Full PDB file with SEQRES, HELIX, SHEET, SSBOND, CRYST1, ORIGX, SCALE, CONECT and MASTER records, all heavy atoms in Angstrom:
SEQRES   1 A   43  MET ARG THR ARG ARG GLU LEU GLU PRO LYS VAL HIS LYS          
SEQRES   2 A   43  PRO VAL SER PRO SER ALA PRO GLY PRO ASN ASN ASN SER          
SEQRES   3 A   43  SER GLN GLN PRO ALA THR VAL THR PHE THR PRO VAL ASP          
SEQRES   4 A   43  VAL HIS MET GLU                                              
HELIX    1 AA1 ARG A    2  LEU A    7  1                                   6    
CRYST1    1.000    1.000    1.000  90.00  90.00  90.00 P 1           1          
ORIGX1      1.000000  0.000000  0.000000        0.00000                         
ORIGX2      0.000000  1.000000  0.000000        0.00000                         
ORIGX3      0.000000  0.000000  1.000000        0.00000                         
SCALE1      1.000000  0.000000  0.000000        0.00000                         
SCALE2      0.000000  1.000000  0.000000        0.00000                         
SCALE3      0.000000  0.000000  1.000000        0.00000                         
ATOM      1  N   MET A   1    -126.734   5.261  44.572  1.00  0.00           N  
ATOM      2  CA  MET A   1    -125.367   5.379  45.062  1.00  0.00           C  
ATOM      3  C   MET A   1    -124.782   6.755  44.729  1.00  0.00           C  
ATOM      4  O   MET A   1    -124.044   7.327  45.526  1.00  0.00           O  
ATOM      5  CB  MET A   1    -124.475   4.292  44.452  1.00  0.00           C  
ATOM      6  CG  MET A   1    -124.726   2.921  45.033  1.00  0.00           C  
ATOM      7  SD  MET A   1    -124.232   2.877  46.754  1.00  0.00           S  
ATOM      8  CE  MET A   1    -125.713   2.336  47.523  1.00  0.00           C  
ATOM      9  N   ARG A   2    -125.105   7.300  43.565  1.00  0.00           N  
ATOM     10  CA  ARG A   2    -124.586   8.609  43.196  1.00  0.00           C  
ATOM     11  C   ARG A   2    -125.133   9.689  44.116  1.00  0.00           C  
ATOM     12  O   ARG A   2    -124.392  10.559  44.583  1.00  0.00           O  
ATOM     13  CB  ARG A   2    -124.952   8.937  41.750  1.00  0.00           C  
ATOM     14  CG  ARG A   2    -124.294  10.210  41.268  1.00  0.00           C  
ATOM     15  CD  ARG A   2    -124.542  10.508  39.812  1.00  0.00           C  
ATOM     16  NE  ARG A   2    -125.195   9.464  39.084  1.00  0.00           N  
ATOM     17  CZ  ARG A   2    -126.289   9.649  38.325  1.00  0.00           C  
ATOM     18  NH1 ARG A   2    -126.820  10.827  38.223  1.00  0.00           N  
ATOM     19  NH2 ARG A   2    -126.834   8.651  37.665  1.00  0.00           N  
ATOM     20  N   THR A   3    -126.432   9.629  44.431  1.00  0.00           N  
ATOM     21  CA  THR A   3    -127.001  10.625  45.339  1.00  0.00           C  
ATOM     22  C   THR A   3    -126.422  10.458  46.742  1.00  0.00           C  
ATOM     23  O   THR A   3    -126.178  11.445  47.429  1.00  0.00           O  
ATOM     24  CB  THR A   3    -128.537  10.525  45.394  1.00  0.00           C  
ATOM     25  OG1 THR A   3    -128.918   9.192  45.742  1.00  0.00           O  
ATOM     26  CG2 THR A   3    -129.146  10.910  44.074  1.00  0.00           C  
ATOM     27  N   ARG A   4    -126.162   9.230  47.159  1.00  0.00           N  
ATOM     28  CA  ARG A   4    -125.571   9.003  48.475  1.00  0.00           C  
ATOM     29  C   ARG A   4    -124.165   9.584  48.533  1.00  0.00           C  
ATOM     30  O   ARG A   4    -123.772  10.216  49.515  1.00  0.00           O  
ATOM     31  CB  ARG A   4    -125.545   7.514  48.789  1.00  0.00           C  
ATOM     32  CG  ARG A   4    -125.029   7.222  50.191  1.00  0.00           C  
ATOM     33  CD  ARG A   4    -125.032   5.756  50.500  1.00  0.00           C  
ATOM     34  NE  ARG A   4    -126.407   5.272  50.613  1.00  0.00           N  
ATOM     35  CZ  ARG A   4    -126.728   4.002  50.767  1.00  0.00           C  
ATOM     36  NH1 ARG A   4    -125.779   3.085  50.818  1.00  0.00           N  
ATOM     37  NH2 ARG A   4    -127.979   3.633  50.862  1.00  0.00           N  
ATOM     38  N   ARG A   5    -123.375   9.395  47.458  1.00  0.00           N  
ATOM     39  CA  ARG A   5    -122.022   9.946  47.424  1.00  0.00           C  
ATOM     40  C   ARG A   5    -122.051  11.472  47.399  1.00  0.00           C  
ATOM     41  O   ARG A   5    -121.209  12.126  48.004  1.00  0.00           O  
ATOM     42  CB  ARG A   5    -121.268   9.443  46.185  1.00  0.00           C  
ATOM     43  CG  ARG A   5    -120.693   8.066  46.330  1.00  0.00           C  
ATOM     44  CD  ARG A   5    -119.702   7.766  45.222  1.00  0.00           C  
ATOM     45  NE  ARG A   5    -120.220   8.058  43.893  1.00  0.00           N  
ATOM     46  CZ  ARG A   5    -120.787   7.163  43.095  1.00  0.00           C  
ATOM     47  NH1 ARG A   5    -120.927   5.929  43.482  1.00  0.00           N  
ATOM     48  NH2 ARG A   5    -121.219   7.511  41.901  1.00  0.00           N  
ATOM     49  N   GLU A   6    -123.019  12.050  46.696  1.00  0.00           N  
ATOM     50  CA  GLU A   6    -123.088  13.505  46.617  1.00  0.00           C  
ATOM     51  C   GLU A   6    -123.517  14.119  47.943  1.00  0.00           C  
ATOM     52  O   GLU A   6    -123.139  15.244  48.255  1.00  0.00           O  
ATOM     53  CB  GLU A   6    -124.047  13.929  45.505  1.00  0.00           C  
ATOM     54  CG  GLU A   6    -123.498  13.640  44.120  1.00  0.00           C  
ATOM     55  CD  GLU A   6    -124.519  13.901  43.033  1.00  0.00           C  
ATOM     56  OE1 GLU A   6    -125.670  14.245  43.365  1.00  0.00           O  
ATOM     57  OE2 GLU A   6    -124.159  13.754  41.854  1.00  0.00           O  
ATOM     58  N   LEU A   7    -124.303  13.395  48.722  1.00  0.00           N  
ATOM     59  CA  LEU A   7    -124.775  13.940  49.987  1.00  0.00           C  
ATOM     60  C   LEU A   7    -123.775  13.761  51.124  1.00  0.00           C  
ATOM     61  O   LEU A   7    -123.867  14.440  52.134  1.00  0.00           O  
ATOM     62  CB  LEU A   7    -126.106  13.299  50.373  1.00  0.00           C  
ATOM     63  CG  LEU A   7    -127.288  13.649  49.459  1.00  0.00           C  
ATOM     64  CD1 LEU A   7    -128.525  12.888  49.896  1.00  0.00           C  
ATOM     65  CD2 LEU A   7    -127.546  15.147  49.484  1.00  0.00           C  
ATOM     66  N   GLU A   8    -122.822  12.846  50.973  1.00  0.00           N  
ATOM     67  CA  GLU A   8    -121.828  12.637  52.020  1.00  0.00           C  
ATOM     68  C   GLU A   8    -120.880  13.822  52.070  1.00  0.00           C  
ATOM     69  O   GLU A   8    -120.576  14.429  51.030  1.00  0.00           O  
ATOM     70  CB  GLU A   8    -121.016  11.369  51.745  1.00  0.00           C  
ATOM     71  CG  GLU A   8    -121.767  10.095  52.000  1.00  0.00           C  
ATOM     72  CD  GLU A   8    -120.921   8.863  51.699  1.00  0.00           C  
ATOM     73  OE1 GLU A   8    -119.785   9.019  51.198  1.00  0.00           O  
ATOM     74  OE2 GLU A   8    -121.399   7.769  51.971  1.00  0.00           O  
ATOM     75  N   PRO A   9    -120.391  14.162  53.277  1.00  0.00           N  
ATOM     76  CA  PRO A   9    -119.409  15.252  53.358  1.00  0.00           C  
ATOM     77  C   PRO A   9    -118.107  14.837  52.684  1.00  0.00           C  
ATOM     78  O   PRO A   9    -117.709  13.677  52.712  1.00  0.00           O  
ATOM     79  CB  PRO A   9    -119.228  15.463  54.859  1.00  0.00           C  
ATOM     80  CG  PRO A   9    -119.678  14.200  55.487  1.00  0.00           C  
ATOM     81  CD  PRO A   9    -120.717  13.605  54.573  1.00  0.00           C  
ATOM     82  N   LYS A  10    -117.466  15.809  52.074  1.00  0.00           N  
ATOM     83  CA  LYS A  10    -116.213  15.534  51.380  1.00  0.00           C  
ATOM     84  C   LYS A  10    -115.095  15.361  52.402  1.00  0.00           C  
ATOM     85  O   LYS A  10    -114.892  16.197  53.265  1.00  0.00           O  
ATOM     86  CB  LYS A  10    -115.846  16.693  50.454  1.00  0.00           C  
ATOM     87  CG  LYS A  10    -116.910  17.016  49.448  1.00  0.00           C  
ATOM     88  CD  LYS A  10    -116.828  16.076  48.287  1.00  0.00           C  
ATOM     89  CE  LYS A  10    -117.791  16.563  47.225  1.00  0.00           C  
ATOM     90  NZ  LYS A  10    -118.351  15.573  46.435  1.00  0.00           N  
ATOM     91  N   VAL A  11    -114.386  14.255  52.334  1.00  0.00           N  
ATOM     92  CA  VAL A  11    -113.268  13.981  53.233  1.00  0.00           C  
ATOM     93  C   VAL A  11    -112.029  13.848  52.359  1.00  0.00           C  
ATOM     94  O   VAL A  11    -111.971  13.003  51.478  1.00  0.00           O  
ATOM     95  CB  VAL A  11    -113.490  12.681  54.037  1.00  0.00           C  
ATOM     96  CG1 VAL A  11    -112.286  12.389  54.900  1.00  0.00           C  
ATOM     97  CG2 VAL A  11    -114.751  12.786  54.865  1.00  0.00           C  
ATOM     98  N   HIS A  12    -111.051  14.710  52.605  1.00  0.00           N  
ATOM     99  CA  HIS A  12    -109.815  14.650  51.842  1.00  0.00           C  
ATOM    100  C   HIS A  12    -108.890  13.636  52.481  1.00  0.00           C  
ATOM    101  O   HIS A  12    -108.567  13.725  53.656  1.00  0.00           O  
ATOM    102  CB  HIS A  12    -109.140  16.024  51.800  1.00  0.00           C  
ATOM    103  CG  HIS A  12    -109.971  17.034  51.086  1.00  0.00           C  
ATOM    104  ND1 HIS A  12    -110.143  17.010  49.726  1.00  0.00           N  
ATOM    105  CD2 HIS A  12    -110.697  18.093  51.540  1.00  0.00           C  
ATOM    106  CE1 HIS A  12    -110.929  18.009  49.371  1.00  0.00           C  
ATOM    107  NE2 HIS A  12    -111.286  18.674  50.456  1.00  0.00           N  
ATOM    108  N   LYS A  13    -108.473  12.693  51.694  1.00  0.00           N  
ATOM    109  CA  LYS A  13    -107.578  11.663  52.202  1.00  0.00           C  
ATOM    110  C   LYS A  13    -106.153  12.186  52.140  1.00  0.00           C  
ATOM    111  O   LYS A  13    -105.770  12.864  51.192  1.00  0.00           O  
ATOM    112  CB  LYS A  13    -107.686  10.397  51.351  1.00  0.00           C  
ATOM    113  CG  LYS A  13    -109.043   9.751  51.412  1.00  0.00           C  
ATOM    114  CD  LYS A  13    -109.085   8.523  50.543  1.00  0.00           C  
ATOM    115  CE  LYS A  13    -110.464   7.913  50.550  1.00  0.00           C  
ATOM    116  NZ  LYS A  13    -110.560   6.792  49.629  1.00  0.00           N  
ATOM    117  N   PRO A  14    -105.326  11.862  53.150  1.00  0.00           N  
ATOM    118  CA  PRO A  14    -103.922  12.280  53.073  1.00  0.00           C  
ATOM    119  C   PRO A  14    -103.228  11.530  51.950  1.00  0.00           C  
ATOM    120  O   PRO A  14    -103.541  10.378  51.665  1.00  0.00           O  
ATOM    121  CB  PRO A  14    -103.347  11.908  54.439  1.00  0.00           C  
ATOM    122  CG  PRO A  14    -104.265  10.867  54.966  1.00  0.00           C  
ATOM    123  CD  PRO A  14    -105.625  11.153  54.366  1.00  0.00           C  
ATOM    124  N   VAL A  15    -102.266  12.205  51.332  1.00  0.00           N  
ATOM    125  CA  VAL A  15    -101.549  11.595  50.225  1.00  0.00           C  
ATOM    126  C   VAL A  15    -100.622  10.536  50.785  1.00  0.00           C  
ATOM    127  O   VAL A  15     -99.778  10.811  51.634  1.00  0.00           O  
ATOM    128  CB  VAL A  15    -100.761  12.666  49.446  1.00  0.00           C  
ATOM    129  CG1 VAL A  15     -99.961  12.018  48.324  1.00  0.00           C  
ATOM    130  CG2 VAL A  15    -101.697  13.722  48.925  1.00  0.00           C  
ATOM    131  N   SER A  16    -100.788   9.328  50.333  1.00  0.00           N  
ATOM    132  CA  SER A  16     -99.934   8.251  50.808  1.00  0.00           C  
ATOM    133  C   SER A  16     -98.688   8.195  49.940  1.00  0.00           C  
ATOM    134  O   SER A  16     -98.727   8.500  48.754  1.00  0.00           O  
ATOM    135  CB  SER A  16    -100.674   6.919  50.766  1.00  0.00           C  
ATOM    136  OG  SER A  16    -101.033   6.630  49.434  1.00  0.00           O  
ATOM    137  N   PRO A  17     -97.557   7.784  50.495  1.00  0.00           N  
ATOM    138  CA  PRO A  17     -96.342   7.699  49.685  1.00  0.00           C  
ATOM    139  C   PRO A  17     -96.497   6.622  48.633  1.00  0.00           C  
ATOM    140  O   PRO A  17     -97.257   5.671  48.794  1.00  0.00           O  
ATOM    141  CB  PRO A  17     -95.253   7.347  50.701  1.00  0.00           C  
ATOM    142  CG  PRO A  17     -95.974   6.748  51.851  1.00  0.00           C  
ATOM    143  CD  PRO A  17     -97.344   7.389  51.870  1.00  0.00           C  
ATOM    144  N   SER A  18     -95.756   6.796  47.555  1.00  0.00           N  
ATOM    145  CA  SER A  18     -95.827   5.803  46.491  1.00  0.00           C  
ATOM    146  C   SER A  18     -95.159   4.514  46.955  1.00  0.00           C  
ATOM    147  O   SER A  18     -94.880   4.342  48.128  1.00  0.00           O  
ATOM    148  CB  SER A  18     -95.183   6.359  45.229  1.00  0.00           C  
ATOM    149  OG  SER A  18     -93.848   6.699  45.507  1.00  0.00           O  
ATOM    150  N   ALA A  19     -94.847   3.667  46.021  1.00  0.00           N  
ATOM    151  CA  ALA A  19     -94.311   2.350  46.354  1.00  0.00           C  
ATOM    152  C   ALA A  19     -93.128   2.470  47.301  1.00  0.00           C  
ATOM    153  O   ALA A  19     -92.234   3.280  47.087  1.00  0.00           O  
ATOM    154  CB  ALA A  19     -93.878   1.638  45.085  1.00  0.00           C  
ATOM    155  N   PRO A  20     -93.106   1.679  48.370  1.00  0.00           N  
ATOM    156  CA  PRO A  20     -92.012   1.782  49.344  1.00  0.00           C  
ATOM    157  C   PRO A  20     -90.688   1.360  48.723  1.00  0.00           C  
ATOM    158  O   PRO A  20     -90.621   0.391  47.983  1.00  0.00           O  
ATOM    159  CB  PRO A  20     -92.426   0.844  50.471  1.00  0.00           C  
ATOM    160  CG  PRO A  20     -93.453  -0.053  49.886  1.00  0.00           C  
ATOM    161  CD  PRO A  20     -94.085   0.686  48.743  1.00  0.00           C  
ATOM    162  N   GLY A  21     -89.652   2.135  49.044  1.00  0.00           N  
ATOM    163  CA  GLY A  21     -88.319   1.827  48.534  1.00  0.00           C  
ATOM    164  C   GLY A  21     -87.648   0.766  49.388  1.00  0.00           C  
ATOM    165  O   GLY A  21     -88.179   0.310  50.397  1.00  0.00           O  
ATOM    166  N   PRO A  22     -86.409   0.404  49.031  1.00  0.00           N  
ATOM    167  CA  PRO A  22     -85.717  -0.647  49.797  1.00  0.00           C  
ATOM    168  C   PRO A  22     -85.333  -0.190  51.199  1.00  0.00           C  
ATOM    169  O   PRO A  22     -85.277  -0.994  52.107  1.00  0.00           O  
ATOM    170  CB  PRO A  22     -84.480  -0.954  48.952  1.00  0.00           C  
ATOM    171  CG  PRO A  22     -84.303   0.231  48.063  1.00  0.00           C  
ATOM    172  CD  PRO A  22     -85.668   0.833  47.875  1.00  0.00           C  
ATOM    173  N   ASN A  23     -85.080   1.123  51.416  1.00  0.00           N  
ATOM    174  CA  ASN A  23     -84.705   1.584  52.748  1.00  0.00           C  
ATOM    175  C   ASN A  23     -85.805   2.446  53.354  1.00  0.00           C  
ATOM    176  O   ASN A  23     -85.532   3.371  54.081  1.00  0.00           O  
ATOM    177  CB  ASN A  23     -83.361   2.327  52.703  1.00  0.00           C  
ATOM    178  CG  ASN A  23     -83.415   3.453  51.671  1.00  0.00           C  
ATOM    179  OD1 ASN A  23     -84.427   3.646  51.034  1.00  0.00           O  
ATOM    180  ND2 ASN A  23     -82.304   4.159  51.523  1.00  0.00           N  
ATOM    181  N   ASN A  24     -87.024   2.148  53.061  1.00  0.00           N  
ATOM    182  CA  ASN A  24     -88.167   2.892  53.595  1.00  0.00           C  
ATOM    183  C   ASN A  24     -88.754   2.116  54.762  1.00  0.00           C  
ATOM    184  O   ASN A  24     -89.225   0.998  54.606  1.00  0.00           O  
ATOM    185  CB  ASN A  24     -89.213   3.099  52.497  1.00  0.00           C  
ATOM    186  CG  ASN A  24     -90.325   4.033  52.943  1.00  0.00           C  
ATOM    187  OD1 ASN A  24     -90.265   4.601  54.029  1.00  0.00           O  
ATOM    188  ND2 ASN A  24     -91.323   4.182  52.103  1.00  0.00           N  
ATOM    189  N   ASN A  25     -88.705   2.688  55.969  1.00  0.00           N  
ATOM    190  CA  ASN A  25     -89.275   2.044  57.145  1.00  0.00           C  
ATOM    191  C   ASN A  25     -90.605   2.704  57.479  1.00  0.00           C  
ATOM    192  O   ASN A  25     -90.849   3.848  57.132  1.00  0.00           O  
ATOM    193  CB  ASN A  25     -88.322   2.159  58.343  1.00  0.00           C  
ATOM    194  CG  ASN A  25     -87.045   1.391  58.095  1.00  0.00           C  
ATOM    195  OD1 ASN A  25     -87.027   0.453  57.304  1.00  0.00           O  
ATOM    196  ND2 ASN A  25     -85.970   1.790  58.764  1.00  0.00           N  
ATOM    197  N   SER A  26     -91.438   2.003  58.190  1.00  0.00           N  
ATOM    198  CA  SER A  26     -92.737   2.564  58.547  1.00  0.00           C  
ATOM    199  C   SER A  26     -92.604   3.683  59.572  1.00  0.00           C  
ATOM    200  O   SER A  26     -93.486   4.503  59.726  1.00  0.00           O  
ATOM    201  CB  SER A  26     -93.656   1.465  59.077  1.00  0.00           C  
ATOM    202  OG  SER A  26     -93.074   0.881  60.225  1.00  0.00           O  
ATOM    203  N   SER A  27     -91.460   3.753  60.301  1.00  0.00           N  
ATOM    204  CA  SER A  27     -91.278   4.782  61.306  1.00  0.00           C  
ATOM    205  C   SER A  27     -90.808   6.100  60.689  1.00  0.00           C  
ATOM    206  O   SER A  27     -90.857   7.132  61.336  1.00  0.00           O  
ATOM    207  CB  SER A  27     -90.276   4.318  62.367  1.00  0.00           C  
ATOM    208  OG  SER A  27     -89.019   4.112  61.754  1.00  0.00           O  
ATOM    209  N   GLN A  28     -90.325   6.072  59.446  1.00  0.00           N  
ATOM    210  CA  GLN A  28     -89.856   7.284  58.804  1.00  0.00           C  
ATOM    211  C   GLN A  28     -91.035   8.098  58.291  1.00  0.00           C  
ATOM    212  O   GLN A  28     -92.056   7.548  57.893  1.00  0.00           O  
ATOM    213  CB  GLN A  28     -88.951   6.958  57.617  1.00  0.00           C  
ATOM    214  CG  GLN A  28     -87.628   6.365  58.000  1.00  0.00           C  
ATOM    215  CD  GLN A  28     -86.800   6.067  56.758  1.00  0.00           C  
ATOM    216  OE1 GLN A  28     -87.350   5.977  55.674  1.00  0.00           O  
ATOM    217  NE2 GLN A  28     -85.504   5.913  56.944  1.00  0.00           N  
ATOM    218  N   GLN A  29     -90.860   9.422  58.300  1.00  0.00           N  
ATOM    219  CA  GLN A  29     -91.869  10.301  57.744  1.00  0.00           C  
ATOM    220  C   GLN A  29     -91.688  10.340  56.229  1.00  0.00           C  
ATOM    221  O   GLN A  29     -90.571  10.282  55.733  1.00  0.00           O  
ATOM    222  CB  GLN A  29     -91.716  11.718  58.321  1.00  0.00           C  
ATOM    223  CG  GLN A  29     -92.002  11.819  59.797  1.00  0.00           C  
ATOM    224  CD  GLN A  29     -93.485  11.624  60.086  1.00  0.00           C  
ATOM    225  OE1 GLN A  29     -94.312  11.882  59.240  1.00  0.00           O  
ATOM    226  NE2 GLN A  29     -93.796  11.158  61.271  1.00  0.00           N  
ATOM    227  N   PRO A  30     -92.775  10.427  55.484  1.00  0.00           N  
ATOM    228  CA  PRO A  30     -92.624  10.532  54.032  1.00  0.00           C  
ATOM    229  C   PRO A  30     -91.961  11.857  53.668  1.00  0.00           C  
ATOM    230  O   PRO A  30     -92.151  12.863  54.348  1.00  0.00           O  
ATOM    231  CB  PRO A  30     -94.051  10.459  53.499  1.00  0.00           C  
ATOM    232  CG  PRO A  30     -94.921  10.766  54.661  1.00  0.00           C  
ATOM    233  CD  PRO A  30     -94.164  10.382  55.897  1.00  0.00           C  
ATOM    234  N   ALA A  31     -91.163  11.865  52.639  1.00  0.00           N  
ATOM    235  CA  ALA A  31     -90.443  13.063  52.221  1.00  0.00           C  
ATOM    236  C   ALA A  31     -91.438  14.084  51.681  1.00  0.00           C  
ATOM    237  O   ALA A  31     -92.381  13.740  50.977  1.00  0.00           O  
ATOM    238  CB  ALA A  31     -89.427  12.704  51.151  1.00  0.00           C  
ATOM    239  N   THR A  32     -91.238  15.355  52.057  1.00  0.00           N  
ATOM    240  CA  THR A  32     -92.099  16.413  51.550  1.00  0.00           C  
ATOM    241  C   THR A  32     -91.326  17.223  50.535  1.00  0.00           C  
ATOM    242  O   THR A  32     -90.118  17.444  50.665  1.00  0.00           O  
ATOM    243  CB  THR A  32     -92.564  17.332  52.689  1.00  0.00           C  
ATOM    244  OG1 THR A  32     -91.417  17.869  53.335  1.00  0.00           O  
ATOM    245  CG2 THR A  32     -93.407  16.560  53.692  1.00  0.00           C  
ATOM    246  N   VAL A  33     -92.015  17.671  49.528  1.00  0.00           N  
ATOM    247  CA  VAL A  33     -91.404  18.451  48.469  1.00  0.00           C  
ATOM    248  C   VAL A  33     -92.080  19.813  48.474  1.00  0.00           C  
ATOM    249  O   VAL A  33     -93.299  19.912  48.440  1.00  0.00           O  
ATOM    250  CB  VAL A  33     -91.585  17.773  47.099  1.00  0.00           C  
ATOM    251  CG1 VAL A  33     -90.983  18.626  45.996  1.00  0.00           C  
ATOM    252  CG2 VAL A  33     -90.971  16.396  47.126  1.00  0.00           C  
ATOM    253  N   THR A  34     -91.265  20.859  48.528  1.00  0.00           N  
ATOM    254  CA  THR A  34     -91.796  22.211  48.524  1.00  0.00           C  
ATOM    255  C   THR A  34     -91.369  22.891  47.234  1.00  0.00           C  
ATOM    256  O   THR A  34     -90.185  22.888  46.891  1.00  0.00           O  
ATOM    257  CB  THR A  34     -91.264  23.014  49.721  1.00  0.00           C  
ATOM    258  OG1 THR A  34     -91.559  22.294  50.909  1.00  0.00           O  
ATOM    259  CG2 THR A  34     -91.889  24.389  49.776  1.00  0.00           C  
ATOM    260  N   PHE A  35     -92.331  23.432  46.522  1.00  0.00           N  
ATOM    261  CA  PHE A  35     -92.045  24.133  45.288  1.00  0.00           C  
ATOM    262  C   PHE A  35     -92.037  25.624  45.566  1.00  0.00           C  
ATOM    263  O   PHE A  35     -92.956  26.155  46.181  1.00  0.00           O  
ATOM    264  CB  PHE A  35     -93.097  23.809  44.228  1.00  0.00           C  
ATOM    265  CG  PHE A  35     -93.041  22.387  43.765  1.00  0.00           C  
ATOM    266  CD1 PHE A  35     -93.939  21.449  44.246  1.00  0.00           C  
ATOM    267  CD2 PHE A  35     -92.084  21.983  42.847  1.00  0.00           C  
ATOM    268  CE1 PHE A  35     -93.884  20.139  43.821  1.00  0.00           C  
ATOM    269  CE2 PHE A  35     -92.028  20.680  42.420  1.00  0.00           C  
ATOM    270  CZ  PHE A  35     -92.928  19.747  42.895  1.00  0.00           C  
ATOM    271  N   THR A  36     -90.993  26.299  45.121  1.00  0.00           N  
ATOM    272  CA  THR A  36     -90.921  27.748  45.263  1.00  0.00           C  
ATOM    273  C   THR A  36     -90.967  28.363  43.876  1.00  0.00           C  
ATOM    274  O   THR A  36     -90.348  27.842  42.936  1.00  0.00           O  
ATOM    275  CB  THR A  36     -89.627  28.166  45.968  1.00  0.00           C  
ATOM    276  OG1 THR A  36     -88.517  27.650  45.237  1.00  0.00           O  
ATOM    277  CG2 THR A  36     -89.587  27.645  47.387  1.00  0.00           C  
ATOM    278  N   PRO A  37     -91.705  29.459  43.727  1.00  0.00           N  
ATOM    279  CA  PRO A  37     -91.779  30.078  42.397  1.00  0.00           C  
ATOM    280  C   PRO A  37     -90.435  30.668  42.000  1.00  0.00           C  
ATOM    281  O   PRO A  37     -89.693  31.188  42.834  1.00  0.00           O  
ATOM    282  CB  PRO A  37     -92.841  31.155  42.567  1.00  0.00           C  
ATOM    283  CG  PRO A  37     -92.943  31.384  44.024  1.00  0.00           C  
ATOM    284  CD  PRO A  37     -92.516  30.133  44.709  1.00  0.00           C  
ATOM    285  N   VAL A  38     -90.108  30.553  40.764  1.00  0.00           N  
ATOM    286  CA  VAL A  38     -88.846  31.054  40.240  1.00  0.00           C  
ATOM    287  C   VAL A  38     -89.159  32.222  39.326  1.00  0.00           C  
ATOM    288  O   VAL A  38     -90.076  32.167  38.507  1.00  0.00           O  
ATOM    289  CB  VAL A  38     -88.097  29.950  39.468  1.00  0.00           C  
ATOM    290  CG1 VAL A  38     -86.808  30.483  38.864  1.00  0.00           C  
ATOM    291  CG2 VAL A  38     -87.841  28.774  40.376  1.00  0.00           C  
ATOM    292  N   ASP A  39     -88.383  33.280  39.471  1.00  0.00           N  
ATOM    293  CA  ASP A  39     -88.594  34.447  38.646  1.00  0.00           C  
ATOM    294  C   ASP A  39     -87.891  34.221  37.313  1.00  0.00           C  
ATOM    295  O   ASP A  39     -86.661  34.210  37.228  1.00  0.00           O  
ATOM    296  CB  ASP A  39     -88.029  35.686  39.359  1.00  0.00           C  
ATOM    297  CG  ASP A  39     -88.465  36.959  38.693  1.00  0.00           C  
ATOM    298  OD1 ASP A  39     -89.408  36.905  37.884  1.00  0.00           O  
ATOM    299  OD2 ASP A  39     -87.869  38.002  38.992  1.00  0.00           O  
ATOM    300  N   VAL A  40     -88.665  34.006  36.282  1.00  0.00           N  
ATOM    301  CA  VAL A  40     -88.110  33.703  34.975  1.00  0.00           C  
ATOM    302  C   VAL A  40     -88.428  34.867  34.046  1.00  0.00           C  
ATOM    303  O   VAL A  40     -89.585  35.284  33.935  1.00  0.00           O  
ATOM    304  CB  VAL A  40     -88.710  32.389  34.410  1.00  0.00           C  
ATOM    305  CG1 VAL A  40     -88.167  32.133  33.011  1.00  0.00           C  
ATOM    306  CG2 VAL A  40     -88.418  31.243  35.336  1.00  0.00           C  
ATOM    307  N   HIS A  41     -87.397  35.403  33.411  1.00  0.00           N  
ATOM    308  CA  HIS A  41     -87.588  36.497  32.467  1.00  0.00           C  
ATOM    309  C   HIS A  41     -87.312  35.990  31.066  1.00  0.00           C  
ATOM    310  O   HIS A  41     -86.274  35.394  30.804  1.00  0.00           O  
ATOM    311  CB  HIS A  41     -86.625  37.658  32.781  1.00  0.00           C  
ATOM    312  CG  HIS A  41     -86.910  38.293  34.109  1.00  0.00           C  
ATOM    313  ND1 HIS A  41     -87.976  39.100  34.319  1.00  0.00           N  
ATOM    314  CD2 HIS A  41     -86.252  38.203  35.301  1.00  0.00           C  
ATOM    315  CE1 HIS A  41     -87.974  39.518  35.578  1.00  0.00           C  
ATOM    316  NE2 HIS A  41     -86.929  38.972  36.206  1.00  0.00           N  
ATOM    317  N   MET A  42     -88.276  36.201  30.203  1.00  0.00           N  
ATOM    318  CA  MET A  42     -88.113  35.821  28.809  1.00  0.00           C  
ATOM    319  C   MET A  42     -87.579  37.027  28.054  1.00  0.00           C  
ATOM    320  O   MET A  42     -88.070  38.139  28.215  1.00  0.00           O  
ATOM    321  CB  MET A  42     -89.437  35.377  28.213  1.00  0.00           C  
ATOM    322  CG  MET A  42     -90.035  34.166  28.886  1.00  0.00           C  
ATOM    323  SD  MET A  42     -89.112  32.675  28.569  1.00  0.00           S  
ATOM    324  CE  MET A  42     -89.438  32.461  26.859  1.00  0.00           C  
ATOM    325  N   GLU A  43     -86.587  36.815  27.222  1.00  0.00           N  
ATOM    326  CA  GLU A  43     -86.058  37.887  26.387  1.00  0.00           C  
ATOM    327  C   GLU A  43     -86.907  38.042  25.142  1.00  0.00           C  
ATOM    328  O   GLU A  43     -87.320  37.060  24.537  1.00  0.00           O  
ATOM    329  CB  GLU A  43     -84.616  37.602  25.989  1.00  0.00           C  
ATOM    330  CG  GLU A  43     -83.651  37.635  27.138  1.00  0.00           C  
ATOM    331  CD  GLU A  43     -82.229  37.404  26.671  1.00  0.00           C  
ATOM    332  OE1 GLU A  43     -81.963  37.556  25.460  1.00  0.00           O  
ATOM    333  OE2 GLU A  43     -81.402  37.069  27.519  1.00  0.00           O  
TER     334      GLU A  43                                                      
MASTER        0    0    0    1    0    0    0    6  333    1    0    4          
END                                                                             
């Protein structure tokens, strides 16, 4: 089984949303979070 898994092509699964909230419908798109680098200066 290990050799079979190593020989299979790697398929990245899309990240599924965590537990559905009370107002989460299947027609809504999952929320995306974008991180932007912040310029932090240490004194």
